[in-house]
Amino acid sequence: MNLIHAAADAFQFEISEGEKGLLFHLLQLYPLVPATHYRLSKDRQIPNREENQHLLDEALSAQRLENRKQVEAMLNEPKRFAACAAGYQVSFSRGELEWLLQVFNDVRLGSWIALGSPDQQQEIRQRQTKQTARHVLTMDLAAFFEMALLGAIRGELPPGHE
């Protein structure tokens, strides 16, 4: 994924056919973090704990639904990905990049949770089996796209560099 142009609110990337397929695959996995993962607090002494947890669950559900709609809209937007010699050129606003970071982070975190929330990369590799390999790969792919987008936002990736 190469950044080819960056402005205050516009980022243009060049991606290969394979990267586009991986991007679409990751976006289709969203949301991956189980809804039960988000707890208001472990402290049982909080007043109105159940009521407040319910409000949090409703807010998160609404946010996830809205993000899912945005994922579907992006995947179905015919002019978003323009064919070029190297594959595709795709443009995102700063807001879209920030939204994509949230989606990729959810996919990465959901994969980490599915692996049992290991502490170290070494522990992840030790736990890897045929059944868990897809979670490891998904986590790594989400991190790849997150790093590319963060680098673009921070200006750390000069245009034309991977």
C-alpha atoms as a PDB file:
ATOM      1  CA  MET A   1       0.000   0.000   0.000  1.00  0.00           C
ATOM      2  CA  ASN A   2       1.734   3.137  -1.232  1.00  0.00           C
ATOM      3  CA  LEU A   3       0.772   6.670  -0.276  1.00  0.00           C
ATOM      4  CA  ILE A   4       0.936   8.634  -3.516  1.00  0.00           C
ATOM      5  CA  HIS A   5      -0.565  11.958  -2.424  1.00  0.00           C
ATOM      6  CA  ALA A   6      -1.347  13.569   0.911  1.00  0.00           C
ATOM      7  CA  ALA A   7      -3.077  16.853   1.621  1.00  0.00           C
ATOM      8  CA  ALA A   8      -4.756  18.274   4.729  1.00  0.00           C
ATOM      9  CA  ASP A   9      -7.941  16.260   4.235  1.00  0.00           C
ATOM     10  CA  ALA A  10      -7.226  13.972   1.274  1.00  0.00           C
ATOM     11  CA  PHE A  11      -5.046  10.893   1.075  1.00  0.00           C
ATOM     12  CA  GLN A  12      -4.537   8.906  -2.096  1.00  0.00           C
ATOM     13  CA  PHE A  13      -3.039   5.423  -2.047  1.00  0.00           C
ATOM     14  CA  GLU A  14      -2.017   2.920  -4.664  1.00  0.00           C
ATOM     15  CA  ILE A  15      -2.792  -0.679  -3.768  1.00  0.00           C
ATOM     16  CA  SER A  16      -2.294  -3.954  -5.562  1.00  0.00           C
ATOM     17  CA  GLU A  17      -5.098  -6.293  -6.548  1.00  0.00           C
ATOM     18  CA  GLY A  18      -4.125  -8.587  -3.663  1.00  0.00           C
ATOM     19  CA  GLU A  19      -4.084  -5.753  -1.122  1.00  0.00           C
ATOM     20  CA  LYS A  20      -7.538  -4.668  -2.284  1.00  0.00           C
ATOM     21  CA  GLY A  21      -8.811  -8.207  -1.722  1.00  0.00           C
ATOM     22  CA  LEU A  22      -7.293  -8.300   1.766  1.00  0.00           C
ATOM     23  CA  LEU A  23      -8.702  -4.849   2.580  1.00  0.00           C
ATOM     24  CA  PHE A  24     -12.193  -5.950   1.548  1.00  0.00           C
ATOM     25  CA  HIS A  25     -11.864  -9.189   3.502  1.00  0.00           C
ATOM     26  CA  LEU A  26     -10.872  -7.354   6.690  1.00  0.00           C
ATOM     27  CA  LEU A  27     -13.666  -4.804   6.315  1.00  0.00           C
ATOM     28  CA  GLN A  28     -16.210  -7.596   5.894  1.00  0.00           C
ATOM     29  CA  LEU A  29     -15.098  -9.155   9.208  1.00  0.00           C
ATOM     30  CA  TYR A  30     -16.150  -6.057  11.152  1.00  0.00           C
ATOM     31  CA  PRO A  31     -17.254  -6.115  13.937  1.00  0.00           C
ATOM     32  CA  LEU A  32     -15.091  -8.854  15.402  1.00  0.00           C
ATOM     33  CA  VAL A  33     -14.842  -7.876  19.071  1.00  0.00           C
ATOM     34  CA  PRO A  34     -17.608  -9.692  20.980  1.00  0.00           C
ATOM     35  CA  ALA A  35     -20.230  -7.273  22.296  1.00  0.00           C
ATOM     36  CA  THR A  36     -19.802  -8.802  25.765  1.00  0.00           C
ATOM     37  CA  HIS A  37     -16.149  -7.686  25.835  1.00  0.00           C
ATOM     38  CA  TYR A  38     -17.013  -4.102  26.749  1.00  0.00           C
ATOM     39  CA  ARG A  39     -17.831  -3.816  30.439  1.00  0.00           C
ATOM     40  CA  LEU A  40     -18.603  -0.537  32.145  1.00  0.00           C
ATOM     41  CA  SER A  41     -16.591  -1.622  35.171  1.00  0.00           C
ATOM     42  CA  LYS A  42     -15.560  -4.718  37.079  1.00  0.00           C
ATOM     43  CA  ASP A  43     -16.502  -2.907  40.278  1.00  0.00           C
ATOM     44  CA  ARG A  44     -19.885  -4.216  41.403  1.00  0.00           C
ATOM     45  CA  GLN A  45     -20.339  -1.241  43.771  1.00  0.00           C
ATOM     46  CA  ILE A  46     -21.211   1.245  41.009  1.00  0.00           C
ATOM     47  CA  PRO A  47     -24.724   2.678  41.435  1.00  0.00           C
ATOM     48  CA  ASN A  48     -27.164   1.673  38.676  1.00  0.00           C
ATOM     49  CA  ARG A  49     -24.513  -0.657  37.254  1.00  0.00           C
ATOM     50  CA  GLU A  50     -26.893  -2.803  35.189  1.00  0.00           C
ATOM     51  CA  GLU A  51     -28.815   0.187  33.836  1.00  0.00           C
ATOM     52  CA  ASN A  52     -25.603   1.993  32.879  1.00  0.00           C
ATOM     53  CA  GLN A  53     -24.182  -1.189  31.288  1.00  0.00           C
ATOM     54  CA  HIS A  54     -27.372  -1.456  29.238  1.00  0.00           C
ATOM     55  CA  LEU A  55     -26.949   2.150  28.050  1.00  0.00           C
ATOM     56  CA  LEU A  56     -23.338   1.403  27.088  1.00  0.00           C
ATOM     57  CA  ASP A  57     -24.402  -1.748  25.220  1.00  0.00           C
ATOM     58  CA  GLU A  58     -27.055   0.195  23.294  1.00  0.00           C
ATOM     59  CA  ALA A  59     -24.617   2.979  22.357  1.00  0.00           C
ATOM     60  CA  LEU A  60     -21.977   0.485  21.212  1.00  0.00           C
ATOM     61  CA  SER A  61     -24.558  -1.464  19.220  1.00  0.00           C
ATOM     62  CA  ALA A  62     -25.705   1.704  17.457  1.00  0.00           C
ATOM     63  CA  GLN A  63     -22.098   2.710  16.692  1.00  0.00           C
ATOM     64  CA  ARG A  64     -21.282  -0.748  15.332  1.00  0.00           C
ATOM     65  CA  LEU A  65     -24.391  -0.701  13.137  1.00  0.00           C
ATOM     66  CA  GLU A  66     -23.430   2.711  11.741  1.00  0.00           C
ATOM     67  CA  ASN A  67     -19.841   1.580  11.112  1.00  0.00           C
ATOM     68  CA  ARG A  68     -21.134  -1.578   9.403  1.00  0.00           C
ATOM     69  CA  LYS A  69     -23.318   0.578   7.120  1.00  0.00           C
ATOM     70  CA  GLN A  70     -20.263   2.685   6.244  1.00  0.00           C
ATOM     71  CA  VAL A  71     -18.278  -0.478   5.503  1.00  0.00           C
ATOM     72  CA  GLU A  72     -20.998  -1.705   3.154  1.00  0.00           C
ATOM     73  CA  ALA A  73     -21.252   1.699   1.467  1.00  0.00           C
ATOM     74  CA  MET A  74     -17.495   1.825   0.923  1.00  0.00           C
ATOM     75  CA  LEU A  75     -17.363  -1.699  -0.472  1.00  0.00           C
ATOM     76  CA  ASN A  76     -20.184  -0.909  -2.888  1.00  0.00           C
ATOM     77  CA  GLU A  77     -18.988   2.553  -4.003  1.00  0.00           C
ATOM     78  CA  PRO A  78     -18.127   2.017  -7.684  1.00  0.00           C
ATOM     79  CA  LYS A  79     -15.703   4.940  -8.129  1.00  0.00           C
ATOM     80  CA  ARG A  80     -13.808   4.522  -4.854  1.00  0.00           C
ATOM     81  CA  PHE A  81     -11.186   2.222  -6.412  1.00  0.00           C
ATOM     82  CA  ALA A  82      -9.869   3.404  -9.785  1.00  0.00           C
ATOM     83  CA  ALA A  83      -7.887   0.872 -11.815  1.00  0.00           C
ATOM     84  CA  CYS A  84      -4.279   1.812 -12.614  1.00  0.00           C
ATOM     85  CA  ALA A  85      -1.154   0.042 -13.875  1.00  0.00           C
ATOM     86  CA  ALA A  86      -0.115  -1.130 -10.395  1.00  0.00           C
ATOM     87  CA  GLY A  87      -3.611  -2.180  -9.340  1.00  0.00           C
ATOM     88  CA  TYR A  88      -5.853   0.538  -7.921  1.00  0.00           C
ATOM     89  CA  GLN A  89      -5.800   4.085  -6.670  1.00  0.00           C
ATOM     90  CA  VAL A  90      -8.058   4.805  -3.733  1.00  0.00           C
ATOM     91  CA  SER A  91      -8.721   8.082  -1.948  1.00  0.00           C
ATOM     92  CA  PHE A  92      -9.877   8.705   1.602  1.00  0.00           C
ATOM     93  CA  SER A  93     -10.610  11.823   3.623  1.00  0.00           C
ATOM     94  CA  ARG A  94      -8.945  12.220   7.020  1.00  0.00           C
ATOM     95  CA  GLY A  95     -12.257  11.349   8.682  1.00  0.00           C
ATOM     96  CA  GLU A  96     -12.549   8.173   6.613  1.00  0.00           C
ATOM     97  CA  LEU A  97      -9.003   7.178   7.577  1.00  0.00           C
ATOM     98  CA  GLU A  98      -9.799   7.678  11.247  1.00  0.00           C
ATOM     99  CA  TRP A  99     -12.973   5.637  10.862  1.00  0.00           C
ATOM    100  CA  LEU A 100     -11.036   2.877   9.043  1.00  0.00           C
ATOM    101  CA  LEU A 101      -8.510   2.842  11.900  1.00  0.00           C
ATOM    102  CA  GLN A 102     -11.344   2.136  14.334  1.00  0.00           C
ATOM    103  CA  VAL A 103     -12.645  -0.687  12.147  1.00  0.00           C
ATOM    104  CA  PHE A 104      -9.188  -2.253  11.674  1.00  0.00           C
ATOM    105  CA  ASN A 105      -8.506  -1.942  15.395  1.00  0.00           C
ATOM    106  CA  ASP A 106     -11.748  -3.781  16.160  1.00  0.00           C
ATOM    107  CA  VAL A 107     -10.771  -6.584  13.766  1.00  0.00           C
ATOM    108  CA  ARG A 108      -7.264  -6.775  15.250  1.00  0.00           C
ATOM    109  CA  LEU A 109      -8.545  -6.728  18.836  1.00  0.00           C
ATOM    110  CA  GLY A 110     -11.237  -9.315  18.043  1.00  0.00           C
ATOM    111  CA  SER A 111      -8.580 -11.630  16.611  1.00  0.00           C
ATOM    112  CA  TRP A 112      -6.391 -11.128  19.687  1.00  0.00           C
ATOM    113  CA  ILE A 113      -9.344 -11.973  21.948  1.00  0.00           C
ATOM    114  CA  ALA A 114     -10.064 -15.095  19.868  1.00  0.00           C
ATOM    115  CA  LEU A 115      -6.443 -16.146  20.468  1.00  0.00           C
ATOM    116  CA  GLY A 116      -6.973 -15.924  24.237  1.00  0.00           C
ATOM    117  CA  SER A 117      -5.510 -12.413  24.699  1.00  0.00           C
ATOM    118  CA  PRO A 118      -1.849 -13.482  24.776  1.00  0.00           C
ATOM    119  CA  ASP A 119       0.701 -11.122  26.356  1.00  0.00           C
ATOM    120  CA  GLN A 120       3.580 -11.427  23.909  1.00  0.00           C
ATOM    121  CA  GLN A 121       4.074 -12.027  20.200  1.00  0.00           C
ATOM    122  CA  GLN A 122       6.049 -15.145  21.145  1.00  0.00           C
ATOM    123  CA  GLU A 123       3.048 -16.477  23.057  1.00  0.00           C
ATOM    124  CA  ILE A 124       0.846 -15.841  20.005  1.00  0.00           C
ATOM    125  CA  ARG A 125       3.176 -17.908  17.843  1.00  0.00           C
ATOM    126  CA  GLN A 126       3.341 -20.691  20.453  1.00  0.00           C
ATOM    127  CA  ARG A 127      -0.450 -20.931  20.547  1.00  0.00           C
ATOM    128  CA  GLN A 128      -0.743 -20.985  16.766  1.00  0.00           C
ATOM    129  CA  THR A 129      -2.495 -24.026  15.346  1.00  0.00           C
ATOM    130  CA  LYS A 130      -4.355 -24.668  12.117  1.00  0.00           C
ATOM    131  CA  GLN A 131      -7.493 -23.444  13.891  1.00  0.00           C
ATOM    132  CA  THR A 132      -5.933 -20.243  15.262  1.00  0.00           C
ATOM    133  CA  ALA A 133      -3.740 -19.371  12.261  1.00  0.00           C
ATOM    134  CA  ARG A 134      -6.527 -17.334  10.666  1.00  0.00           C
ATOM    135  CA  HIS A 135      -6.757 -15.156  13.778  1.00  0.00           C
ATOM    136  CA  VAL A 136      -2.995 -14.569  13.765  1.00  0.00           C
ATOM    137  CA  LEU A 137      -3.070 -13.685  10.065  1.00  0.00           C
ATOM    138  CA  THR A 138      -6.107 -11.432  10.477  1.00  0.00           C
ATOM    139  CA  MET A 139      -4.465  -9.628  13.393  1.00  0.00           C
ATOM    140  CA  ASP A 140      -1.265  -9.092  11.390  1.00  0.00           C
ATOM    141  CA  LEU A 141      -3.134  -7.888   8.284  1.00  0.00           C
ATOM    142  CA  ALA A 142      -5.198  -5.423  10.295  1.00  0.00           C
ATOM    143  CA  ALA A 143      -1.990  -4.116  11.885  1.00  0.00           C
ATOM    144  CA  PHE A 144      -0.423  -3.734   8.404  1.00  0.00           C
ATOM    145  CA  PHE A 145      -3.284  -1.515   7.229  1.00  0.00           C
ATOM    146  CA  GLU A 146      -3.369   0.391  10.530  1.00  0.00           C
ATOM    147  CA  MET A 147       0.339   1.215  10.263  1.00  0.00           C
ATOM    148  CA  ALA A 148      -0.044   2.393   6.656  1.00  0.00           C
ATOM    149  CA  LEU A 149      -2.963   4.664   7.556  1.00  0.00           C
ATOM    150  CA  LEU A 150      -1.302   6.002  10.710  1.00  0.00           C
ATOM    151  CA  GLY A 151       1.873   6.709   8.783  1.00  0.00           C
ATOM    152  CA  ALA A 152      -0.104   8.681   6.206  1.00  0.00           C
ATOM    153  CA  ILE A 153      -1.980  10.703   8.844  1.00  0.00           C
ATOM    154  CA  ARG A 154       1.212  11.489  10.754  1.00  0.00           C
ATOM    155  CA  GLY A 155       3.127  12.338   7.596  1.00  0.00           C
ATOM    156  CA  GLU A 156       5.639   9.581   8.344  1.00  0.00           C
ATOM    157  CA  LEU A 157       5.270   7.896   4.968  1.00  0.00           C
ATOM    158  CA  PRO A 158       6.407  10.153   2.158  1.00  0.00           C
ATOM    159  CA  PRO A 159       4.311   9.786  -1.012  1.00  0.00           C
ATOM    160  CA  GLY A 160       5.501   6.897  -3.173  1.00  0.00           C
ATOM    161  CA  HIS A 161       6.968   4.845  -0.317  1.00  0.00           C
ATOM    162  CA  GLU A 162       5.569   1.669   1.233  1.00  0.00           C
END
